[in-house]
PDB file of all heavy atoms in Angstrom:
ATOM      1  N   ARG A   1     -18.678 -18.931   7.086  1.00  0.00           N
ATOM      2  CA  ARG A   1     -17.524 -18.334   6.394  1.00  0.00           C
ATOM      3  C   ARG A   1     -16.429 -19.386   6.271  1.00  0.00           C
ATOM      4  O   ARG A   1     -16.475 -20.428   6.929  1.00  0.00           O
ATOM      5  CB  ARG A   1     -17.001 -17.147   7.202  1.00  0.00           C
ATOM      6  CG  ARG A   1     -16.552 -17.546   8.625  1.00  0.00           C
ATOM      7  CD  ARG A   1     -15.798 -16.434   9.300  1.00  0.00           C
ATOM      8  NE  ARG A   1     -15.478 -16.732  10.687  1.00  0.00           N
ATOM      9  CZ  ARG A   1     -14.439 -17.449  11.087  1.00  0.00           C
ATOM     10  NH1 ARG A   1     -13.624 -17.997  10.188  1.00  0.00           N
ATOM     11  NH2 ARG A   1     -14.211 -17.644  12.378  1.00  0.00           N
ATOM     12  N   PRO A   2     -15.395 -19.121   5.441  1.00  0.00           N
ATOM     13  CA  PRO A   2     -14.258 -20.046   5.430  1.00  0.00           C
ATOM     14  C   PRO A   2     -13.545 -20.033   6.778  1.00  0.00           C
ATOM     15  O   PRO A   2     -13.652 -19.086   7.558  1.00  0.00           O
ATOM     16  CB  PRO A   2     -13.347 -19.488   4.332  1.00  0.00           C
ATOM     17  CG  PRO A   2     -14.222 -18.605   3.506  1.00  0.00           C
ATOM     18  CD  PRO A   2     -15.242 -18.047   4.439  1.00  0.00           C
ATOM     19  N   HIS A   3     -12.803 -21.089   7.033  1.00  0.00           N
ATOM     20  CA  HIS A   3     -11.993 -21.154   8.249  1.00  0.00           C
ATOM     21  C   HIS A   3     -10.643 -20.472   8.038  1.00  0.00           C
ATOM     22  O   HIS A   3     -10.127 -19.786   8.920  1.00  0.00           O
ATOM     23  CB  HIS A   3     -11.782 -22.607   8.670  1.00  0.00           C
ATOM     24  CG  HIS A   3     -10.945 -22.755   9.907  1.00  0.00           C
ATOM     25  ND1 HIS A   3      -9.589 -22.981   9.865  1.00  0.00           N
ATOM     26  CD2 HIS A   3     -11.284 -22.702  11.214  1.00  0.00           C
ATOM     27  CE1 HIS A   3      -9.119 -23.071  11.099  1.00  0.00           C
ATOM     28  NE2 HIS A   3     -10.125 -22.901  11.943  1.00  0.00           N
ATOM     29  N   HIS A   4     -10.045 -20.627   6.839  1.00  0.00           N
ATOM     30  CA  HIS A   4      -8.741 -20.021   6.553  1.00  0.00           C
ATOM     31  C   HIS A   4      -8.509 -19.987   5.049  1.00  0.00           C
ATOM     32  O   HIS A   4      -9.220 -20.629   4.271  1.00  0.00           O
ATOM     33  CB  HIS A   4      -7.607 -20.796   7.245  1.00  0.00           C
ATOM     34  CG  HIS A   4      -7.456 -22.204   6.759  1.00  0.00           C
ATOM     35  ND1 HIS A   4      -8.183 -23.254   7.293  1.00  0.00           N
ATOM     36  CD2 HIS A   4      -6.671 -22.756   5.788  1.00  0.00           C
ATOM     37  CE1 HIS A   4      -7.853 -24.376   6.669  1.00  0.00           C
ATOM     38  NE2 HIS A   4      -6.941 -24.100   5.758  1.00  0.00           N
ATOM     39  N   PHE A   5      -7.496 -19.220   4.653  1.00  0.00           N
ATOM     40  CA  PHE A   5      -7.029 -19.168   3.269  1.00  0.00           C
ATOM     41  C   PHE A   5      -5.651 -19.813   3.164  1.00  0.00           C
ATOM     42  O   PHE A   5      -4.888 -19.855   4.136  1.00  0.00           O
ATOM     43  CB  PHE A   5      -6.905 -17.714   2.770  1.00  0.00           C
ATOM     44  CG  PHE A   5      -8.183 -16.938   2.753  1.00  0.00           C
ATOM     45  CD1 PHE A   5      -8.292 -15.749   3.455  1.00  0.00           C
ATOM     46  CD2 PHE A   5      -9.274 -17.383   2.023  1.00  0.00           C
ATOM     47  CE1 PHE A   5      -9.460 -15.014   3.441  1.00  0.00           C
ATOM     48  CE2 PHE A   5     -10.453 -16.656   1.999  1.00  0.00           C
ATOM     49  CZ  PHE A   5     -10.547 -15.472   2.708  1.00  0.00           C
ATOM     50  N   THR A   6      -5.330 -20.286   1.962  1.00  0.00           N
ATOM     51  CA  THR A   6      -3.957 -20.679   1.640  1.00  0.00           C
ATOM     52  C   THR A   6      -3.487 -19.850   0.441  1.00  0.00           C
ATOM     53  O   THR A   6      -4.286 -19.388  -0.375  1.00  0.00           O
ATOM     54  CB  THR A   6      -3.848 -22.169   1.301  1.00  0.00           C
ATOM     55  OG1 THR A   6      -4.752 -22.491   0.232  1.00  0.00           O
ATOM     56  CG2 THR A   6      -4.162 -23.024   2.520  1.00  0.00           C
ATOM     57  N   LEU A   7      -2.178 -19.669   0.360  1.00  0.00           N
ATOM     58  CA  LEU A   7      -1.557 -18.861  -0.685  1.00  0.00           C
ATOM     59  C   LEU A   7      -0.837 -19.765  -1.672  1.00  0.00           C
ATOM     60  O   LEU A   7      -0.129 -20.697  -1.267  1.00  0.00           O
ATOM     61  CB  LEU A   7      -0.562 -17.884  -0.046  1.00  0.00           C
ATOM     62  CG  LEU A   7       0.275 -16.997  -0.970  1.00  0.00           C
ATOM     63  CD1 LEU A   7      -0.608 -15.997  -1.705  1.00  0.00           C
ATOM     64  CD2 LEU A   7       1.350 -16.263  -0.176  1.00  0.00           C
ATOM     65  N   SER A   8      -1.005 -19.492  -2.969  1.00  0.00           N
ATOM     66  CA  SER A   8      -0.338 -20.312  -3.990  1.00  0.00           C
ATOM     67  C   SER A   8      -0.123 -19.492  -5.258  1.00  0.00           C
ATOM     68  O   SER A   8      -0.601 -18.356  -5.381  1.00  0.00           O
ATOM     69  CB  SER A   8      -1.172 -21.554  -4.318  1.00  0.00           C
ATOM     70  OG  SER A   8      -2.405 -21.186  -4.930  1.00  0.00           O
ATOM     71  N   ASP A   9       0.606 -20.099  -6.209  1.00  0.00           N
ATOM     72  CA  ASP A   9       0.811 -19.529  -7.547  1.00  0.00           C
ATOM     73  C   ASP A   9       1.296 -18.074  -7.483  1.00  0.00           C
ATOM     74  O   ASP A   9       0.805 -17.198  -8.203  1.00  0.00           O
ATOM     75  CB  ASP A   9      -0.475 -19.612  -8.370  1.00  0.00           C
ATOM     76  CG  ASP A   9      -0.894 -21.045  -8.645  1.00  0.00           C
ATOM     77  OD1 ASP A   9      -0.040 -21.941  -8.589  1.00  0.00           O
ATOM     78  OD2 ASP A   9      -2.084 -21.274  -8.895  1.00  0.00           O
ATOM     79  N   THR A  10       2.272 -17.828  -6.637  1.00  0.00           N
ATOM     80  CA  THR A  10       2.811 -16.473  -6.509  1.00  0.00           C
ATOM     81  C   THR A  10       3.808 -16.186  -7.629  1.00  0.00           C
ATOM     82  O   THR A  10       4.523 -17.075  -8.087  1.00  0.00           O
ATOM     83  CB  THR A  10       3.505 -16.292  -5.155  1.00  0.00           C
ATOM     84  OG1 THR A  10       4.600 -17.228  -5.062  1.00  0.00           O
ATOM     85  CG2 THR A  10       2.542 -16.554  -4.016  1.00  0.00           C
ATOM     86  N   SER A  11       3.855 -14.939  -8.053  1.00  0.00           N
ATOM     87  CA  SER A  11       4.820 -14.547  -9.082  1.00  0.00           C
ATOM     88  C   SER A  11       5.099 -13.055  -8.991  1.00  0.00           C
ATOM     89  O   SER A  11       4.280 -12.280  -8.485  1.00  0.00           O
ATOM     90  CB  SER A  11       4.317 -14.891 -10.486  1.00  0.00           C
ATOM     91  OG  SER A  11       3.182 -14.113 -10.822  1.00  0.00           O
ATOM     92  N   ILE A  12       6.280 -12.666  -9.489  1.00  0.00           N
ATOM     93  CA  ILE A  12       6.675 -11.259  -9.575  1.00  0.00           C
ATOM     94  C   ILE A  12       7.158 -11.000 -10.994  1.00  0.00           C
ATOM     95  O   ILE A  12       8.025 -11.729 -11.498  1.00  0.00           O
ATOM     96  CB  ILE A  12       7.793 -10.921  -8.569  1.00  0.00           C
ATOM     97  CG1 ILE A  12       7.299 -11.108  -7.131  1.00  0.00           C
ATOM     98  CG2 ILE A  12       8.290  -9.495  -8.777  1.00  0.00           C
ATOM     99  CD1 ILE A  12       8.370 -10.909  -6.088  1.00  0.00           C
ATOM    100  N   THR A  13       6.586  -9.998 -11.630  1.00  0.00           N
ATOM    101  CA  THR A  13       7.008  -9.594 -12.970  1.00  0.00           C
ATOM    102  C   THR A  13       7.623  -8.211 -12.879  1.00  0.00           C
ATOM    103  O   THR A  13       6.924  -7.221 -12.658  1.00  0.00           O
ATOM    104  CB  THR A  13       5.821  -9.575 -13.952  1.00  0.00           C
ATOM    105  OG1 THR A  13       5.208 -10.867 -13.978  1.00  0.00           O
ATOM    106  CG2 THR A  13       6.291  -9.208 -15.358  1.00  0.00           C
ATOM    107  N   GLN A  14       8.948  -8.154 -13.006  1.00  0.00           N
ATOM    108  CA  GLN A  14       9.634  -6.883 -12.885  1.00  0.00           C
ATOM    109  C   GLN A  14       9.397  -5.995 -14.126  1.00  0.00           C
ATOM    110  O   GLN A  14       9.122  -6.482 -15.211  1.00  0.00           O
ATOM    111  CB  GLN A  14      11.135  -7.095 -12.694  1.00  0.00           C
ATOM    112  CG  GLN A  14      11.544  -7.257 -11.245  1.00  0.00           C
ATOM    113  CD  GLN A  14      11.323  -5.970 -10.454  1.00  0.00           C
ATOM    114  OE1 GLN A  14      10.907  -4.940 -10.980  1.00  0.00           O
ATOM    115  NE2 GLN A  14      11.592  -6.043  -9.158  1.00  0.00           N
ATOM    116  N   ARG A  15       9.488  -4.676 -13.907  1.00  0.00           N
ATOM    117  CA  ARG A  15       9.396  -3.673 -14.951  1.00  0.00           C
ATOM    118  C   ARG A  15       8.111  -3.846 -15.780  1.00  0.00           C
ATOM    119  O   ARG A  15       8.126  -3.858 -17.013  1.00  0.00           O
ATOM    120  CB  ARG A  15      10.636  -3.700 -15.834  1.00  0.00           C
ATOM    121  CG  ARG A  15      11.959  -3.775 -15.053  1.00  0.00           C
ATOM    122  CD  ARG A  15      13.145  -3.333 -15.863  1.00  0.00           C
ATOM    123  NE  ARG A  15      13.078  -1.890 -16.149  1.00  0.00           N
ATOM    124  CZ  ARG A  15      13.947  -1.247 -16.927  1.00  0.00           C
ATOM    125  NH1 ARG A  15      14.948  -1.913 -17.498  1.00  0.00           N
ATOM    126  NH2 ARG A  15      13.825   0.048 -17.147  1.00  0.00           N
ATOM    127  N   SER A  16       7.006  -3.983 -15.073  1.00  0.00           N
ATOM    128  CA  SER A  16       5.731  -4.275 -15.740  1.00  0.00           C
ATOM    129  C   SER A  16       5.247  -3.132 -16.610  1.00  0.00           C
ATOM    130  O   SER A  16       4.311  -3.303 -17.402  1.00  0.00           O
ATOM    131  CB  SER A  16       4.667  -4.627 -14.698  1.00  0.00           C
ATOM    132  OG  SER A  16       4.538  -3.600 -13.726  1.00  0.00           O
ATOM    133  N   ASP A  17       5.854  -1.940 -16.482  1.00  0.00           N
ATOM    134  CA  ASP A  17       5.473  -0.815 -17.346  1.00  0.00           C
ATOM    135  C   ASP A  17       6.074  -0.936 -18.731  1.00  0.00           C
ATOM    136  O   ASP A  17       5.674  -0.210 -19.655  1.00  0.00           O
ATOM    137  CB  ASP A  17       5.913   0.508 -16.711  1.00  0.00           C
ATOM    138  CG  ASP A  17       7.426   0.576 -16.513  1.00  0.00           C
ATOM    139  OD1 ASP A  17       8.020  -0.439 -16.115  1.00  0.00           O
ATOM    140  OD2 ASP A  17       8.018   1.653 -16.755  1.00  0.00           O
ATOM    141  N   LEU A  18       7.058  -1.847 -18.913  1.00  0.00           N
ATOM    142  CA  LEU A  18       7.744  -1.993 -20.196  1.00  0.00           C
ATOM    143  C   LEU A  18       7.612  -3.434 -20.683  1.00  0.00           C
ATOM    144  O   LEU A  18       8.351  -4.321 -20.245  1.00  0.00           O
ATOM    145  CB  LEU A  18       9.230  -1.627 -20.056  1.00  0.00           C
ATOM    146  CG  LEU A  18       9.542  -0.190 -19.619  1.00  0.00           C
ATOM    147  CD1 LEU A  18      11.033  -0.014 -19.412  1.00  0.00           C
ATOM    148  CD2 LEU A  18       9.005   0.813 -20.634  1.00  0.00           C
ATOM    149  N   PRO A  19       6.671  -3.698 -21.593  1.00  0.00           N
ATOM    150  CA  PRO A  19       6.511  -5.073 -22.098  1.00  0.00           C
ATOM    151  C   PRO A  19       7.801  -5.649 -22.666  1.00  0.00           C
ATOM    152  O   PRO A  19       8.034  -6.857 -22.576  1.00  0.00           O
ATOM    153  CB  PRO A  19       5.442  -4.921 -23.181  1.00  0.00           C
ATOM    154  CG  PRO A  19       4.666  -3.702 -22.786  1.00  0.00           C
ATOM    155  CD  PRO A  19       5.670  -2.782 -22.153  1.00  0.00           C
ATOM    156  N   ALA A  20       8.662  -4.786 -23.218  1.00  0.00           N
ATOM    157  CA  ALA A  20       9.911  -5.279 -23.792  1.00  0.00           C
ATOM    158  C   ALA A  20      10.854  -5.820 -22.733  1.00  0.00           C
ATOM    159  O   ALA A  20      11.809  -6.540 -23.048  1.00  0.00           O
ATOM    160  CB  ALA A  20      10.609  -4.155 -24.570  1.00  0.00           C
ATOM    161  N   CYS A  21      10.580  -5.486 -21.453  1.00  0.00           N
ATOM    162  CA  CYS A  21      11.465  -5.920 -20.364  1.00  0.00           C
ATOM    163  C   CYS A  21      10.932  -7.146 -19.627  1.00  0.00           C
ATOM    164  O   CYS A  21      11.386  -7.456 -18.522  1.00  0.00           O
ATOM    165  CB  CYS A  21      11.677  -4.780 -19.381  1.00  0.00           C
ATOM    166  SG  CYS A  21      12.627  -3.400 -20.062  1.00  0.00           S
ATOM    167  N   ALA A  22       9.962  -7.834 -20.214  1.00  0.00           N
ATOM    168  CA  ALA A  22       9.441  -9.051 -19.586  1.00  0.00           C
ATOM    169  C   ALA A  22      10.590 -10.027 -19.354  1.00  0.00           C
ATOM    170  O   ALA A  22      11.402 -10.277 -20.237  1.00  0.00           O
ATOM    171  CB  ALA A  22       8.378  -9.688 -20.474  1.00  0.00           C
ATOM    172  N   GLY A  23      10.658 -10.556 -18.163  1.00  0.00           N
ATOM    173  CA  GLY A  23      11.736 -11.475 -17.825  1.00  0.00           C
ATOM    174  C   GLY A  23      12.895 -10.826 -17.117  1.00  0.00           C
ATOM    175  O   GLY A  23      13.856 -11.507 -16.741  1.00  0.00           O
ATOM    176  N   SER A  24      12.835  -9.503 -16.924  1.00  0.00           N
ATOM    177  CA  SER A  24      13.919  -8.820 -16.221  1.00  0.00           C
ATOM    178  C   SER A  24      14.027  -9.350 -14.798  1.00  0.00           C
ATOM    179  O   SER A  24      13.026  -9.604 -14.126  1.00  0.00           O
ATOM    180  CB  SER A  24      13.663  -7.310 -16.196  1.00  0.00           C
ATOM    181  OG  SER A  24      14.665  -6.645 -15.472  1.00  0.00           O
ATOM    182  N   THR A  25      15.258  -9.493 -14.322  1.00  0.00           N
ATOM    183  CA  THR A  25      15.492 -10.008 -12.973  1.00  0.00           C
ATOM    184  C   THR A  25      15.617  -8.901 -11.939  1.00  0.00           C
ATOM    185  O   THR A  25      15.826  -9.193 -10.758  1.00  0.00           O
ATOM    186  CB  THR A  25      16.777 -10.859 -12.945  1.00  0.00           C
ATOM    187  OG1 THR A  25      17.883 -10.045 -13.364  1.00  0.00           O
ATOM    188  CG2 THR A  25      16.639 -12.073 -13.853  1.00  0.00           C
ATOM    189  N   PHE A  26      15.506  -7.648 -12.343  1.00  0.00           N
ATOM    190  CA  PHE A  26      15.629  -6.523 -11.426  1.00  0.00           C
ATOM    191  C   PHE A  26      14.645  -5.440 -11.853  1.00  0.00           C
ATOM    192  O   PHE A  26      14.036  -5.491 -12.921  1.00  0.00           O
ATOM    193  CB  PHE A  26      17.061  -5.944 -11.468  1.00  0.00           C
ATOM    194  CG  PHE A  26      17.268  -5.019 -12.628  1.00  0.00           C
ATOM    195  CD1 PHE A  26      17.154  -3.646 -12.462  1.00  0.00           C
ATOM    196  CD2 PHE A  26      17.520  -5.508 -13.901  1.00  0.00           C
ATOM    197  CE1 PHE A  26      17.303  -2.791 -13.541  1.00  0.00           C
ATOM    198  CE2 PHE A  26      17.674  -4.661 -14.976  1.00  0.00           C
ATOM    199  CZ  PHE A  26      17.563  -3.289 -14.801  1.00  0.00           C
ATOM    200  N   GLY A  27      14.512  -4.451 -10.984  1.00  0.00           N
ATOM    201  CA  GLY A  27      13.730  -3.277 -11.320  1.00  0.00           C
ATOM    202  C   GLY A  27      14.355  -2.054 -10.684  1.00  0.00           C
ATOM    203  O   GLY A  27      15.281  -2.166  -9.867  1.00  0.00           O
ATOM    204  N   TYR A  28      13.859  -0.886 -11.062  1.00  0.00           N
ATOM    205  CA  TYR A  28      14.340   0.355 -10.476  1.00  0.00           C
ATOM    206  C   TYR A  28      13.348   0.847  -9.423  1.00  0.00           C
ATOM    207  O   TYR A  28      12.130   0.671  -9.561  1.00  0.00           O
ATOM    208  CB  TYR A  28      14.507   1.421 -11.556  1.00  0.00           C
ATOM    209  CG  TYR A  28      15.617   1.152 -12.536  1.00  0.00           C
ATOM    210  CD1 TYR A  28      15.335   0.732 -13.836  1.00  0.00           C
ATOM    211  CD2 TYR A  28      16.950   1.322 -12.170  1.00  0.00           C
ATOM    212  CE1 TYR A  28      16.354   0.493 -14.754  1.00  0.00           C
ATOM    213  CE2 TYR A  28      17.987   1.089 -13.075  1.00  0.00           C
ATOM    214  CZ  TYR A  28      17.680   0.666 -14.358  1.00  0.00           C
ATOM    215  OH  TYR A  28      18.700   0.418 -15.259  1.00  0.00           O
ATOM    216  N   MET A  29      13.863   1.473  -8.370  1.00  0.00           N
ATOM    217  CA  MET A  29      12.981   2.119  -7.401  1.00  0.00           C
ATOM    218  C   MET A  29      12.211   3.218  -8.113  1.00  0.00           C
ATOM    219  O   MET A  29      12.779   3.987  -8.884  1.00  0.00           O
ATOM    220  CB  MET A  29      13.811   2.703  -6.251  1.00  0.00           C
ATOM    221  CG  MET A  29      14.595   1.669  -5.473  1.00  0.00           C
ATOM    222  SD  MET A  29      15.586   2.423  -4.155  1.00  0.00           S
ATOM    223  CE  MET A  29      16.773   1.089  -3.864  1.00  0.00           C
ATOM    224  N   GLY A  30      10.909   3.259  -7.860  1.00  0.00           N
ATOM    225  CA  GLY A  30      10.045   4.210  -8.547  1.00  0.00           C
ATOM    226  C   GLY A  30       9.423   3.654  -9.807  1.00  0.00           C
ATOM    227  O   GLY A  30       8.639   4.339 -10.469  1.00  0.00           O
ATOM    228  N   GLU A  31       9.724   2.395 -10.143  1.00  0.00           N
ATOM    229  CA  GLU A  31       9.159   1.736 -11.323  1.00  0.00           C
ATOM    230  C   GLU A  31       8.217   0.622 -10.865  1.00  0.00           C
ATOM    231  O   GLU A  31       8.559  -0.154  -9.969  1.00  0.00           O
ATOM    232  CB  GLU A  31      10.275   1.149 -12.179  1.00  0.00           C
ATOM    233  CG  GLU A  31       9.773   0.471 -13.454  1.00  0.00           C
ATOM    234  CD  GLU A  31      10.906  -0.120 -14.282  1.00  0.00           C
ATOM    235  OE1 GLU A  31      11.962  -0.450 -13.694  1.00  0.00           O
ATOM    236  OE2 GLU A  31      10.734  -0.251 -15.508  1.00  0.00           O
ATOM    237  N   PRO A  32       7.019   0.523 -11.451  1.00  0.00           N
ATOM    238  CA  PRO A  32       6.097  -0.521 -11.002  1.00  0.00           C
ATOM    239  C   PRO A  32       6.558  -1.915 -11.382  1.00  0.00           C
ATOM    240  O   PRO A  32       7.198  -2.113 -12.421  1.00  0.00           O
ATOM    241  CB  PRO A  32       4.781  -0.163 -11.719  1.00  0.00           C
ATOM    242  CG  PRO A  32       5.198   0.629 -12.910  1.00  0.00           C
ATOM    243  CD  PRO A  32       6.440   1.371 -12.515  1.00  0.00           C
ATOM    244  N   PHE A  33       6.253  -2.868 -10.512  1.00  0.00           N
ATOM    245  CA  PHE A  33       6.392  -4.282 -10.856  1.00  0.00           C
ATOM    246  C   PHE A  33       5.120  -4.998 -10.407  1.00  0.00           C
ATOM    247  O   PHE A  33       4.430  -4.565  -9.481  1.00  0.00           O
ATOM    248  CB  PHE A  33       7.657  -4.900 -10.255  1.00  0.00           C
ATOM    249  CG  PHE A  33       7.737  -4.881  -8.746  1.00  0.00           C
ATOM    250  CD1 PHE A  33       7.289  -5.956  -7.984  1.00  0.00           C
ATOM    251  CD2 PHE A  33       8.285  -3.786  -8.084  1.00  0.00           C
ATOM    252  CE1 PHE A  33       7.376  -5.944  -6.608  1.00  0.00           C
ATOM    253  CE2 PHE A  33       8.385  -3.767  -6.704  1.00  0.00           C
ATOM    254  CZ  PHE A  33       7.926  -4.845  -5.953  1.00  0.00           C
ATOM    255  N   ARG A  34       4.816  -6.073 -11.083  1.00  0.00           N
ATOM    256  CA  ARG A  34       3.529  -6.741 -10.897  1.00  0.00           C
ATOM    257  C   ARG A  34       3.681  -7.961  -9.999  1.00  0.00           C
ATOM    258  O   ARG A  34       4.567  -8.798 -10.218  1.00  0.00           O
ATOM    259  CB  ARG A  34       2.956  -7.158 -12.250  1.00  0.00           C
ATOM    260  CG  ARG A  34       1.613  -7.862 -12.204  1.00  0.00           C
ATOM    261  CD  ARG A  34       1.137  -8.155 -13.619  1.00  0.00           C
ATOM    262  NE  ARG A  34      -0.090  -8.928 -13.661  1.00  0.00           N
ATOM    263  CZ  ARG A  34      -0.131 -10.257 -13.686  1.00  0.00           C
ATOM    264  NH1 ARG A  34       0.996 -10.960 -13.697  1.00  0.00           N
ATOM    265  NH2 ARG A  34      -1.284 -10.905 -13.732  1.00  0.00           N
ATOM    266  N   ILE A  35       2.820  -8.052  -8.992  1.00  0.00           N
ATOM    267  CA  ILE A  35       2.744  -9.269  -8.192  1.00  0.00           C
ATOM    268  C   ILE A  35       1.420  -9.967  -8.507  1.00  0.00           C
ATOM    269  O   ILE A  35       0.422  -9.316  -8.822  1.00  0.00           O
ATOM    270  CB  ILE A  35       2.851  -8.987  -6.682  1.00  0.00           C
ATOM    271  CG1 ILE A  35       1.670  -8.138  -6.184  1.00  0.00           C
ATOM    272  CG2 ILE A  35       4.177  -8.319  -6.343  1.00  0.00           C
ATOM    273  CD1 ILE A  35       1.590  -8.027  -4.672  1.00  0.00           C
ATOM    274  N   ALA A  36       1.430 -11.274  -8.468  1.00  0.00           N
ATOM    275  CA  ALA A  36       0.215 -12.055  -8.701  1.00  0.00           C
ATOM    276  C   ALA A  36       0.224 -13.243  -7.751  1.00  0.00           C
ATOM    277  O   ALA A  36       1.290 -13.772  -7.400  1.00  0.00           O
ATOM    278  CB  ALA A  36       0.137 -12.530 -10.155  1.00  0.00           C
ATOM    279  N   PHE A  37      -0.957 -13.658  -7.331  1.00  0.00           N
ATOM    280  CA  PHE A  37      -1.060 -14.796  -6.416  1.00  0.00           C
ATOM    281  C   PHE A  37      -2.500 -15.291  -6.386  1.00  0.00           C
ATOM    282  O   PHE A  37      -3.413 -14.626  -6.907  1.00  0.00           O
ATOM    283  CB  PHE A  37      -0.615 -14.403  -5.004  1.00  0.00           C
ATOM    284  CG  PHE A  37      -1.342 -13.214  -4.425  1.00  0.00           C
ATOM    285  CD1 PHE A  37      -2.514 -13.354  -3.696  1.00  0.00           C
ATOM    286  CD2 PHE A  37      -0.846 -11.928  -4.627  1.00  0.00           C
ATOM    287  CE1 PHE A  37      -3.173 -12.257  -3.176  1.00  0.00           C
ATOM    288  CE2 PHE A  37      -1.497 -10.817  -4.109  1.00  0.00           C
ATOM    289  CZ  PHE A  37      -2.664 -10.988  -3.374  1.00  0.00           C
ATOM    290  N   LYS A  38      -2.684 -16.451  -5.794  1.00  0.00           N
ATOM    291  CA  LYS A  38      -4.019 -17.015  -5.613  1.00  0.00           C
ATOM    292  C   LYS A  38      -4.270 -17.273  -4.134  1.00  0.00           C
ATOM    293  O   LYS A  38      -3.365 -17.659  -3.396  1.00  0.00           O
ATOM    294  CB  LYS A  38      -4.176 -18.320  -6.406  1.00  0.00           C
ATOM    295  CG  LYS A  38      -4.263 -18.128  -7.905  1.00  0.00           C
ATOM    296  CD  LYS A  38      -4.511 -19.455  -8.621  1.00  0.00           C
ATOM    297  CE  LYS A  38      -4.644 -19.242 -10.128  1.00  0.00           C
ATOM    298  NZ  LYS A  38      -4.886 -20.534 -10.833  1.00  0.00           N
ATOM    299  N   LEU A  39      -5.512 -17.032  -3.725  1.00  0.00           N
ATOM    300  CA  LEU A  39      -5.977 -17.407  -2.398  1.00  0.00           C
ATOM    301  C   LEU A  39      -7.050 -18.466  -2.557  1.00  0.00           C
ATOM    302  O   LEU A  39      -7.913 -18.350  -3.444  1.00  0.00           O
ATOM    303  CB  LEU A  39      -6.565 -16.205  -1.654  1.00  0.00           C
ATOM    304  CG  LEU A  39      -5.633 -15.039  -1.327  1.00  0.00           C
ATOM    305  CD1 LEU A  39      -6.402 -13.961  -0.580  1.00  0.00           C
ATOM    306  CD2 LEU A  39      -4.439 -15.509  -0.514  1.00  0.00           C
ATOM    307  N   LYS A  40      -6.980 -19.499  -1.739  1.00  0.00           N
ATOM    308  CA  LYS A  40      -8.005 -20.544  -1.763  1.00  0.00           C
ATOM    309  C   LYS A  40      -8.646 -20.630  -0.395  1.00  0.00           C
ATOM    310  O   LYS A  40      -7.952 -20.581   0.629  1.00  0.00           O
ATOM    311  CB  LYS A  40      -7.402 -21.893  -2.156  1.00  0.00           C
ATOM    312  CG  LYS A  40      -8.453 -22.943  -2.507  1.00  0.00           C
ATOM    313  CD  LYS A  40      -7.831 -24.139  -3.195  1.00  0.00           C
ATOM    314  CE  LYS A  40      -8.893 -25.120  -3.672  1.00  0.00           C
ATOM    315  NZ  LYS A  40      -8.300 -26.260  -4.411  1.00  0.00           N
ATOM    316  N   ALA A  41      -9.976 -20.737  -0.369  1.00  0.00           N
ATOM    317  CA  ALA A  41     -10.737 -20.779   0.873  1.00  0.00           C
ATOM    318  C   ALA A  41     -10.996 -22.227   1.284  1.00  0.00           C
ATOM    319  O   ALA A  41     -11.359 -23.065   0.444  1.00  0.00           O
ATOM    320  CB  ALA A  41     -12.054 -20.025   0.712  1.00  0.00           C
ATOM    321  N   TRP A  42     -10.837 -22.514   2.585  1.00  0.00           N
ATOM    322  CA  TRP A  42     -10.974 -23.875   3.113  1.00  0.00           C
ATOM    323  C   TRP A  42     -11.818 -23.850   4.385  1.00  0.00           C
ATOM    324  O   TRP A  42     -11.881 -22.841   5.086  1.00  0.00           O
ATOM    325  CB  TRP A  42      -9.607 -24.464   3.461  1.00  0.00           C
ATOM    326  CG  TRP A  42      -8.627 -24.484   2.339  1.00  0.00           C
ATOM    327  CD1 TRP A  42      -7.878 -23.440   1.885  1.00  0.00           C
ATOM    328  CD2 TRP A  42      -8.294 -25.607   1.519  1.00  0.00           C
ATOM    329  NE1 TRP A  42      -7.081 -23.831   0.835  1.00  0.00           N
ATOM    330  CE2 TRP A  42      -7.313 -25.164   0.588  1.00  0.00           C
ATOM    331  CE3 TRP A  42      -8.698 -26.944   1.483  1.00  0.00           C
ATOM    332  CZ2 TRP A  42      -6.757 -26.010  -0.363  1.00  0.00           C
ATOM    333  CZ3 TRP A  42      -8.149 -27.789   0.544  1.00  0.00           C
ATOM    334  CH2 TRP A  42      -7.194 -27.325  -0.376  1.00  0.00           C
ATOM    335  N   ASN A  43     -12.433 -25.007   4.691  1.00  0.00           N
ATOM    336  CA  ASN A  43     -13.076 -25.127   5.992  1.00  0.00           C
ATOM    337  C   ASN A  43     -12.073 -25.684   7.005  1.00  0.00           C
ATOM    338  O   ASN A  43     -10.902 -25.918   6.687  1.00  0.00           O
ATOM    339  CB  ASN A  43     -14.366 -25.956   5.913  1.00  0.00           C
ATOM    340  CG  ASN A  43     -14.112 -27.447   5.696  1.00  0.00           C
ATOM    341  OD1 ASN A  43     -12.998 -27.950   5.846  1.00  0.00           O
ATOM    342  ND2 ASN A  43     -15.164 -28.171   5.355  1.00  0.00           N
ATOM    343  N   GLN A  44     -12.514 -25.895   8.233  1.00  0.00           N
ATOM    344  CA  GLN A  44     -11.584 -26.310   9.287  1.00  0.00           C
ATOM    345  C   GLN A  44     -10.982 -27.683   9.021  1.00  0.00           C
ATOM    346  O   GLN A  44      -9.862 -27.974   9.447  1.00  0.00           O
ATOM    347  CB  GLN A  44     -12.285 -26.303  10.653  1.00  0.00           C
ATOM    348  CG  GLN A  44     -11.379 -26.697  11.805  1.00  0.00           C
ATOM    349  CD  GLN A  44     -12.009 -26.466  13.158  1.00  0.00           C
ATOM    350  OE1 GLN A  44     -12.010 -25.355  13.654  1.00  0.00           O
ATOM    351  NE2 GLN A  44     -12.559 -27.516  13.759  1.00  0.00           N
TER     352      GLN A  44
END
């Protein structure tokens, strides 16, 4: 198995339910927002 993972390329897209709001710097409670990231597997 891998020894560990590393985390990279993280991002948060607020107000993901409204394409017109792409780039918003805030969101409302009860409104979805999108998180994205990458995991990379490594040996010891």
